[in-house]
Amino acid sequence: MKSIVIALCASLSLLAAPAWADENPAVVDVLSGYMDFAEYGGSLIRPEQIPKEDWQKILVVDTRDAAQYEKDHIPGAVNIEWRQAVARRGELPRDRMVVMYCNTGSLSAQAVFALRVLGYDNVRVLQDGLEGWRKKGGFDANARAAAPDDGM
């Protein structure tokens, strides 16, 4: 795994090359190696999977831009825009879960993918983002999901 991370780090500068540039075999090898061992759904977490009391133990990261974060965010979340996730990875703990979200989960998924390739296996995407978190009940999503369905 360490050799994969080293190869990726050595190749990161080439990822910023124009899209029409030739493929870089080192980057392809690193990404292929990651994809070979990536667990399906391993980087996703749904709001209902997190008990209310566990939210305090998690670093929640809003990956939207600063203006969107200032307008509204999950209480307790810090703001690291998705494009800055790799550059600011030193701010992320390695010893506890990190949950990243955006509006729907698509941009935060890109940040999580990059971090997981770099070996941050404690980082997860909040499935369906802020919108899904709200629809499922926010911090109470776990309790709502566990409650008996009275709609019969």
N, C-alpha and C. Protein backbone atom coordinates (compact mmCIF):
# COMPACT_ATOMS: atom_id res chain seq x y z
N MET A 1 0.83 -1.19 0.00
CA MET A 1 0.00 0.00 0.00
C MET A 1 0.87 1.25 0.00
N LYS A 2 1.98 1.21 0.76
CA LYS A 2 2.85 2.36 0.84
C LYS A 2 3.43 2.71 -0.53
N SER A 3 3.78 1.68 -1.32
CA SER A 3 4.32 1.95 -2.66
C SER A 3 3.26 2.57 -3.57
N ILE A 4 2.00 2.20 -3.36
CA ILE A 4 0.92 2.80 -4.14
C ILE A 4 0.81 4.28 -3.82
N VAL A 5 0.86 4.60 -2.53
CA VAL A 5 0.75 6.00 -2.12
C VAL A 5 1.93 6.81 -2.64
N ILE A 6 3.13 6.25 -2.57
CA ILE A 6 4.32 6.95 -3.07
C ILE A 6 4.19 7.19 -4.57
N ALA A 7 3.77 6.17 -5.30
CA ALA A 7 3.62 6.33 -6.75
C ALA A 7 2.56 7.37 -7.08
N LEU A 8 1.47 7.37 -6.31
CA LEU A 8 0.42 8.36 -6.55
C LEU A 8 0.93 9.76 -6.26
N CYS A 9 1.60 9.93 -5.13
CA CYS A 9 2.12 11.25 -4.78
C CYS A 9 3.09 11.77 -5.85
N ALA A 10 3.92 10.88 -6.37
CA ALA A 10 4.87 11.28 -7.40
C ALA A 10 4.16 11.68 -8.68
N SER A 11 2.96 11.14 -8.87
CA SER A 11 2.23 11.39 -10.11
C SER A 11 1.16 12.46 -9.99
N LEU A 12 0.90 12.95 -8.79
CA LEU A 12 -0.19 13.90 -8.59
C LEU A 12 -0.04 15.15 -9.45
N SER A 13 1.16 15.62 -9.63
CA SER A 13 1.34 16.83 -10.42
C SER A 13 0.89 16.62 -11.86
N LEU A 14 0.97 15.40 -12.31
CA LEU A 14 0.55 15.11 -13.68
C LEU A 14 -0.97 15.03 -13.82
N LEU A 15 -1.67 14.85 -12.71
CA LEU A 15 -3.13 14.80 -12.77
C LEU A 15 -3.71 16.15 -13.17
N ALA A 16 -2.96 17.21 -12.90
CA ALA A 16 -3.44 18.54 -13.23
C ALA A 16 -3.20 18.88 -14.70
N ALA A 17 -2.55 17.99 -15.44
CA ALA A 17 -2.28 18.23 -16.86
C ALA A 17 -3.59 18.31 -17.63
N PRO A 18 -3.57 18.93 -18.76
CA PRO A 18 -4.79 19.04 -19.57
C PRO A 18 -5.40 17.67 -19.87
N ALA A 19 -6.70 17.65 -20.00
CA ALA A 19 -7.42 16.40 -20.21
C ALA A 19 -7.00 15.70 -21.51
N TRP A 20 -6.47 16.42 -22.46
CA TRP A 20 -6.09 15.82 -23.73
C TRP A 20 -4.68 15.21 -23.69
N ALA A 21 -4.00 15.32 -22.57
CA ALA A 21 -2.65 14.76 -22.44
C ALA A 21 -2.72 13.23 -22.45
N ASP A 22 -1.60 12.61 -22.81
CA ASP A 22 -1.53 11.15 -22.80
C ASP A 22 -1.70 10.62 -21.39
N GLU A 23 -2.21 9.39 -21.29
CA GLU A 23 -2.37 8.75 -20.00
C GLU A 23 -1.00 8.53 -19.36
N ASN A 24 -0.95 8.65 -18.05
CA ASN A 24 0.27 8.39 -17.31
C ASN A 24 0.18 6.98 -16.74
N PRO A 25 1.05 6.08 -17.16
CA PRO A 25 0.97 4.69 -16.69
C PRO A 25 1.07 4.54 -15.18
N ALA A 26 1.85 5.38 -14.51
CA ALA A 26 1.97 5.28 -13.05
C ALA A 26 0.65 5.61 -12.37
N VAL A 27 -0.03 6.64 -12.87
CA VAL A 27 -1.33 7.02 -12.30
C VAL A 27 -2.35 5.92 -12.57
N VAL A 28 -2.35 5.39 -13.78
CA VAL A 28 -3.27 4.31 -14.12
C VAL A 28 -3.04 3.10 -13.21
N ASP A 29 -1.78 2.76 -12.97
CA ASP A 29 -1.46 1.62 -12.08
C ASP A 29 -1.96 1.87 -10.66
N VAL A 30 -1.76 3.06 -10.15
CA VAL A 30 -2.20 3.38 -8.79
C VAL A 30 -3.72 3.30 -8.69
N LEU A 31 -4.40 3.92 -9.64
CA LEU A 31 -5.86 3.91 -9.61
C LEU A 31 -6.40 2.50 -9.80
N SER A 32 -5.81 1.74 -10.69
CA SER A 32 -6.24 0.35 -10.90
C SER A 32 -6.03 -0.48 -9.63
N GLY A 33 -4.90 -0.28 -8.98
CA GLY A 33 -4.63 -1.00 -7.73
C GLY A 33 -5.65 -0.67 -6.66
N TYR A 34 -6.02 0.60 -6.57
CA TYR A 34 -7.03 0.99 -5.59
C TYR A 34 -8.38 0.36 -5.94
N MET A 35 -8.76 0.45 -7.21
CA MET A 35 -10.06 -0.08 -7.62
C MET A 35 -10.15 -1.59 -7.44
N ASP A 36 -9.04 -2.28 -7.59
CA ASP A 36 -9.03 -3.73 -7.39
C ASP A 36 -9.39 -4.12 -5.97
N PHE A 37 -9.06 -3.26 -5.01
CA PHE A 37 -9.26 -3.61 -3.61
C PHE A 37 -10.34 -2.77 -2.92
N ALA A 38 -10.94 -1.83 -3.65
CA ALA A 38 -11.97 -0.99 -3.05
C ALA A 38 -13.22 -1.82 -2.78
N GLU A 39 -13.74 -1.68 -1.57
CA GLU A 39 -14.95 -2.39 -1.19
C GLU A 39 -16.16 -1.62 -1.72
N TYR A 40 -17.09 -2.34 -2.32
CA TYR A 40 -18.29 -1.68 -2.83
C TYR A 40 -19.03 -1.00 -1.69
N GLY A 41 -19.27 0.27 -1.82
CA GLY A 41 -19.98 1.01 -0.78
C GLY A 41 -19.15 1.31 0.44
N GLY A 42 -17.87 0.94 0.45
CA GLY A 42 -17.03 1.14 1.62
C GLY A 42 -16.79 2.58 1.97
N SER A 43 -16.95 3.47 1.01
CA SER A 43 -16.71 4.88 1.31
C SER A 43 -18.01 5.65 1.51
N LEU A 44 -19.14 4.95 1.50
CA LEU A 44 -20.43 5.61 1.68
C LEU A 44 -20.99 5.36 3.06
N ILE A 45 -21.70 6.35 3.59
CA ILE A 45 -22.44 6.17 4.83
C ILE A 45 -23.74 6.94 4.71
N ARG A 46 -24.81 6.34 5.16
CA ARG A 46 -26.13 6.98 5.12
C ARG A 46 -26.40 7.64 6.48
N PRO A 47 -27.15 8.73 6.50
CA PRO A 47 -27.45 9.40 7.77
C PRO A 47 -28.06 8.46 8.80
N GLU A 48 -28.88 7.53 8.36
CA GLU A 48 -29.54 6.63 9.30
C GLU A 48 -28.60 5.58 9.91
N GLN A 49 -27.38 5.50 9.40
CA GLN A 49 -26.40 4.59 9.97
C GLN A 49 -25.64 5.19 11.16
N ILE A 50 -25.86 6.47 11.40
CA ILE A 50 -25.11 7.16 12.46
C ILE A 50 -26.05 7.52 13.61
N PRO A 51 -25.91 6.86 14.75
CA PRO A 51 -26.72 7.24 15.93
C PRO A 51 -26.42 8.69 16.33
N LYS A 52 -27.43 9.35 16.86
CA LYS A 52 -27.31 10.77 17.22
C LYS A 52 -26.08 11.05 18.07
N GLU A 53 -25.82 10.21 19.07
CA GLU A 53 -24.69 10.44 19.97
C GLU A 53 -23.33 10.26 19.29
N ASP A 54 -23.29 9.51 18.19
CA ASP A 54 -22.03 9.28 17.49
C ASP A 54 -21.59 10.46 16.63
N TRP A 55 -22.51 11.36 16.28
CA TRP A 55 -22.14 12.52 15.47
C TRP A 55 -21.06 13.35 16.16
N GLN A 56 -21.04 13.37 17.49
CA GLN A 56 -20.05 14.14 18.23
C GLN A 56 -18.64 13.57 18.07
N LYS A 57 -18.54 12.29 17.75
CA LYS A 57 -17.24 11.61 17.63
C LYS A 57 -16.66 11.72 16.22
N ILE A 58 -17.45 12.20 15.29
CA ILE A 58 -17.08 12.24 13.87
C ILE A 58 -16.66 13.66 13.49
N LEU A 59 -15.64 13.77 12.64
CA LEU A 59 -15.34 15.07 12.04
C LEU A 59 -16.21 15.16 10.79
N VAL A 60 -17.12 16.11 10.78
CA VAL A 60 -18.02 16.32 9.64
C VAL A 60 -17.46 17.48 8.83
N VAL A 61 -17.27 17.24 7.53
CA VAL A 61 -16.66 18.24 6.65
C VAL A 61 -17.64 18.60 5.53
N ASP A 62 -17.97 19.86 5.46
CA ASP A 62 -18.80 20.42 4.39
C ASP A 62 -17.85 20.77 3.26
N THR A 63 -18.00 20.13 2.11
CA THR A 63 -17.07 20.34 1.00
C THR A 63 -17.56 21.36 -0.02
N ARG A 64 -18.62 22.06 0.31
CA ARG A 64 -19.13 23.11 -0.59
C ARG A 64 -18.29 24.37 -0.42
N ASP A 65 -18.54 25.36 -1.26
CA ASP A 65 -17.77 26.60 -1.15
C ASP A 65 -18.17 27.36 0.12
N ALA A 66 -17.34 28.33 0.49
CA ALA A 66 -17.52 29.06 1.74
C ALA A 66 -18.87 29.78 1.81
N ALA A 67 -19.35 30.31 0.70
CA ALA A 67 -20.63 31.03 0.70
C ALA A 67 -21.78 30.08 1.03
N GLN A 68 -21.77 28.89 0.45
CA GLN A 68 -22.82 27.91 0.74
C GLN A 68 -22.73 27.45 2.20
N TYR A 69 -21.52 27.23 2.67
CA TYR A 69 -21.30 26.82 4.06
C TYR A 69 -21.83 27.88 5.02
N GLU A 70 -21.52 29.15 4.75
CA GLU A 70 -21.98 30.23 5.62
C GLU A 70 -23.50 30.34 5.64
N LYS A 71 -24.12 30.06 4.52
CA LYS A 71 -25.58 30.15 4.42
C LYS A 71 -26.25 29.07 5.27
N ASP A 72 -25.71 27.85 5.24
CA ASP A 72 -26.30 26.73 5.97
C ASP A 72 -25.36 25.54 5.93
N HIS A 73 -25.28 24.81 7.01
CA HIS A 73 -24.46 23.61 7.08
C HIS A 73 -24.91 22.74 8.24
N ILE A 74 -24.44 21.52 8.26
CA ILE A 74 -24.72 20.63 9.39
C ILE A 74 -24.02 21.23 10.61
N PRO A 75 -24.73 21.40 11.71
CA PRO A 75 -24.10 21.96 12.92
C PRO A 75 -22.86 21.16 13.33
N GLY A 76 -21.78 21.89 13.58
CA GLY A 76 -20.52 21.27 13.98
C GLY A 76 -19.58 20.96 12.83
N ALA A 77 -20.07 21.09 11.60
CA ALA A 77 -19.23 20.79 10.43
C ALA A 77 -18.18 21.88 10.22
N VAL A 78 -17.01 21.46 9.70
CA VAL A 78 -15.99 22.40 9.27
C VAL A 78 -16.07 22.50 7.75
N ASN A 79 -15.53 23.56 7.20
CA ASN A 79 -15.60 23.77 5.76
C ASN A 79 -14.23 23.58 5.11
N ILE A 80 -14.15 22.56 4.28
CA ILE A 80 -12.98 22.35 3.42
C ILE A 80 -13.54 22.08 2.04
N GLU A 81 -13.42 23.04 1.14
CA GLU A 81 -13.98 22.87 -0.20
C GLU A 81 -13.41 21.61 -0.85
N TRP A 82 -14.21 20.90 -1.61
CA TRP A 82 -13.83 19.60 -2.18
C TRP A 82 -12.54 19.67 -2.97
N ARG A 83 -12.28 20.77 -3.65
CA ARG A 83 -11.04 20.91 -4.43
C ARG A 83 -9.81 21.03 -3.54
N GLN A 84 -10.00 21.40 -2.28
CA GLN A 84 -8.89 21.59 -1.34
C GLN A 84 -8.64 20.38 -0.45
N ALA A 85 -9.45 19.34 -0.59
CA ALA A 85 -9.37 18.20 0.33
C ALA A 85 -7.98 17.55 0.36
N VAL A 86 -7.37 17.36 -0.78
CA VAL A 86 -6.04 16.74 -0.81
C VAL A 86 -5.01 17.68 -0.21
N ALA A 87 -5.03 18.94 -0.59
CA ALA A 87 -4.06 19.91 -0.08
C ALA A 87 -4.19 20.11 1.43
N ARG A 88 -5.40 19.97 1.96
CA ARG A 88 -5.63 20.21 3.39
C ARG A 88 -5.81 18.90 4.17
N ARG A 89 -5.39 17.80 3.61
CA ARG A 89 -5.57 16.49 4.25
C ARG A 89 -4.90 16.40 5.62
N GLY A 90 -3.90 17.21 5.87
CA GLY A 90 -3.24 17.21 7.16
C GLY A 90 -4.15 17.67 8.29
N GLU A 91 -5.26 18.33 7.96
CA GLU A 91 -6.22 18.78 8.96
C GLU A 91 -7.20 17.67 9.36
N LEU A 92 -7.14 16.55 8.65
CA LEU A 92 -8.07 15.46 8.91
C LEU A 92 -7.46 14.43 9.85
N PRO A 93 -8.21 14.02 10.86
CA PRO A 93 -7.69 12.99 11.75
C PRO A 93 -7.63 11.65 11.04
N ARG A 94 -6.72 10.79 11.47
CA ARG A 94 -6.62 9.44 10.92
C ARG A 94 -7.20 8.42 11.90
N ASP A 95 -7.51 8.87 13.12
CA ASP A 95 -7.91 7.95 14.18
C ASP A 95 -9.41 7.96 14.48
N ARG A 96 -10.19 8.65 13.67
CA ARG A 96 -11.65 8.63 13.84
C ARG A 96 -12.30 8.88 12.49
N MET A 97 -13.59 8.61 12.42
CA MET A 97 -14.30 8.75 11.15
C MET A 97 -14.40 10.21 10.74
N VAL A 98 -14.25 10.41 9.43
CA VAL A 98 -14.45 11.72 8.81
C VAL A 98 -15.58 11.52 7.79
N VAL A 99 -16.63 12.33 7.91
CA VAL A 99 -17.75 12.26 6.97
C VAL A 99 -17.79 13.55 6.19
N MET A 100 -17.73 13.43 4.87
CA MET A 100 -17.74 14.60 3.99
C MET A 100 -19.07 14.65 3.23
N TYR A 101 -19.56 15.87 3.04
CA TYR A 101 -20.81 16.04 2.30
C TYR A 101 -20.77 17.32 1.48
N CYS A 102 -21.64 17.35 0.48
CA CYS A 102 -21.92 18.57 -0.29
C CYS A 102 -23.45 18.65 -0.35
N ASN A 103 -24.00 19.21 -1.39
CA ASN A 103 -25.46 19.28 -1.48
C ASN A 103 -26.10 17.92 -1.71
N THR A 104 -25.53 17.15 -2.62
CA THR A 104 -26.13 15.85 -2.97
C THR A 104 -25.18 14.68 -2.82
N GLY A 105 -23.90 14.93 -2.62
CA GLY A 105 -22.92 13.86 -2.46
C GLY A 105 -21.97 13.68 -3.62
N SER A 106 -22.21 14.34 -4.74
CA SER A 106 -21.37 14.10 -5.92
C SER A 106 -19.98 14.74 -5.83
N LEU A 107 -19.89 15.98 -5.37
CA LEU A 107 -18.58 16.63 -5.26
C LEU A 107 -17.79 16.08 -4.08
N SER A 108 -18.47 15.84 -2.98
CA SER A 108 -17.77 15.27 -1.82
C SER A 108 -17.25 13.88 -2.14
N ALA A 109 -17.94 13.15 -3.03
CA ALA A 109 -17.47 11.82 -3.43
C ALA A 109 -16.13 11.90 -4.14
N GLN A 110 -15.91 12.95 -4.91
CA GLN A 110 -14.62 13.12 -5.58
C GLN A 110 -13.51 13.36 -4.57
N ALA A 111 -13.79 14.18 -3.56
CA ALA A 111 -12.79 14.44 -2.52
C ALA A 111 -12.49 13.16 -1.75
N VAL A 112 -13.52 12.41 -1.40
CA VAL A 112 -13.34 11.17 -0.65
C VAL A 112 -12.55 10.16 -1.47
N PHE A 113 -12.86 10.05 -2.75
CA PHE A 113 -12.13 9.12 -3.61
C PHE A 113 -10.64 9.44 -3.59
N ALA A 114 -10.29 10.70 -3.78
CA ALA A 114 -8.88 11.10 -3.80
C ALA A 114 -8.21 10.78 -2.46
N LEU A 115 -8.90 11.09 -1.37
CA LEU A 115 -8.32 10.83 -0.04
C LEU A 115 -8.18 9.33 0.22
N ARG A 116 -9.13 8.53 -0.23
CA ARG A 116 -9.04 7.09 -0.02
C ARG A 116 -7.90 6.49 -0.85
N VAL A 117 -7.68 7.01 -2.04
CA VAL A 117 -6.53 6.55 -2.83
C VAL A 117 -5.23 6.87 -2.09
N LEU A 118 -5.23 7.97 -1.35
CA LEU A 118 -4.05 8.36 -0.57
C LEU A 118 -3.94 7.61 0.77
N GLY A 119 -4.87 6.70 1.02
CA GLY A 119 -4.78 5.87 2.22
C GLY A 119 -5.66 6.28 3.39
N TYR A 120 -6.52 7.25 3.20
CA TYR A 120 -7.44 7.68 4.26
C TYR A 120 -8.68 6.78 4.24
N ASP A 121 -8.57 5.61 4.84
CA ASP A 121 -9.69 4.67 4.81
C ASP A 121 -10.76 4.99 5.84
N ASN A 122 -10.57 6.04 6.64
CA ASN A 122 -11.55 6.47 7.63
C ASN A 122 -12.48 7.56 7.11
N VAL A 123 -12.37 7.90 5.82
CA VAL A 123 -13.15 8.98 5.23
C VAL A 123 -14.34 8.39 4.48
N ARG A 124 -15.53 8.98 4.70
CA ARG A 124 -16.76 8.51 4.08
C ARG A 124 -17.50 9.67 3.43
N VAL A 125 -18.32 9.34 2.43
CA VAL A 125 -19.22 10.29 1.79
C VAL A 125 -20.59 10.15 2.45
N LEU A 126 -21.19 11.24 2.85
CA LEU A 126 -22.55 11.20 3.37
C LEU A 126 -23.47 11.06 2.16
N GLN A 127 -24.03 9.88 2.02
CA GLN A 127 -24.87 9.59 0.85
C GLN A 127 -26.02 10.59 0.77
N ASP A 128 -26.23 11.13 -0.39
CA ASP A 128 -27.27 12.11 -0.70
C ASP A 128 -27.03 13.49 -0.08
N GLY A 129 -25.85 13.69 0.51
CA GLY A 129 -25.42 15.00 0.97
C GLY A 129 -26.33 15.67 1.98
N LEU A 130 -26.24 16.99 2.03
CA LEU A 130 -27.02 17.79 2.97
C LEU A 130 -28.51 17.60 2.74
N GLU A 131 -28.92 17.54 1.48
CA GLU A 131 -30.34 17.37 1.17
C GLU A 131 -30.87 16.05 1.73
N GLY A 132 -30.14 14.98 1.52
CA GLY A 132 -30.55 13.67 2.04
C GLY A 132 -30.55 13.64 3.56
N TRP A 133 -29.55 14.29 4.17
CA TRP A 133 -29.46 14.35 5.62
C TRP A 133 -30.73 14.99 6.19
N ARG A 134 -31.14 16.09 5.58
CA ARG A 134 -32.36 16.78 6.03
C ARG A 134 -33.60 15.91 5.85
N LYS A 135 -33.74 15.33 4.66
CA LYS A 135 -34.93 14.52 4.35
C LYS A 135 -35.05 13.32 5.28
N LYS A 136 -33.93 12.77 5.70
CA LYS A 136 -33.96 11.57 6.55
C LYS A 136 -34.07 11.89 8.03
N GLY A 137 -34.01 13.19 8.39
CA GLY A 137 -34.20 13.56 9.79
C GLY A 137 -32.99 14.13 10.47
N GLY A 138 -31.93 14.44 9.73
CA GLY A 138 -30.75 15.04 10.33
C GLY A 138 -30.13 14.14 11.38
N PHE A 139 -29.82 14.70 12.53
CA PHE A 139 -29.18 13.93 13.61
C PHE A 139 -30.10 12.81 14.12
N ASP A 140 -31.39 12.92 13.85
CA ASP A 140 -32.36 11.91 14.31
C ASP A 140 -32.66 10.84 13.26
N ALA A 141 -31.92 10.82 12.16
CA ALA A 141 -32.18 9.86 11.08
C ALA A 141 -32.08 8.42 11.56
N ASN A 142 -31.12 8.13 12.41
CA ASN A 142 -30.95 6.76 12.93
C ASN A 142 -32.16 6.34 13.74
N ALA A 143 -32.62 7.20 14.63
CA ALA A 143 -33.78 6.89 15.46
C ALA A 143 -35.04 6.76 14.62
N ARG A 144 -35.19 7.61 13.62
CA ARG A 144 -36.36 7.52 12.73
C ARG A 144 -36.36 6.20 11.96
N ALA A 145 -35.19 5.79 11.48
CA ALA A 145 -35.09 4.55 10.72
C ALA A 145 -35.38 3.33 11.59
N ALA A 146 -35.05 3.43 12.88
CA ALA A 146 -35.25 2.30 13.80
C ALA A 146 -36.68 2.25 14.35
N ALA A 147 -37.43 3.34 14.22
CA ALA A 147 -38.80 3.40 14.76
C ALA A 147 -39.72 2.50 13.94
N PRO A 148 -40.67 1.86 14.61
CA PRO A 148 -41.62 1.02 13.89
C PRO A 148 -42.46 1.85 12.93
N ASP A 149 -42.80 1.27 11.81
CA ASP A 149 -43.61 1.94 10.80
C ASP A 149 -45.08 1.85 11.20
N ASP A 150 -45.69 2.99 11.54
CA ASP A 150 -47.10 3.02 11.94
C ASP A 150 -48.02 3.28 10.77
N GLY A 151 -47.48 3.30 9.57
CA GLY A 151 -48.28 3.65 8.40
C GLY A 151 -49.07 2.49 7.79
N MET A 152 -49.21 1.39 8.48
CA MET A 152 -49.95 0.25 7.90
C MET A 152 -51.40 0.33 8.16
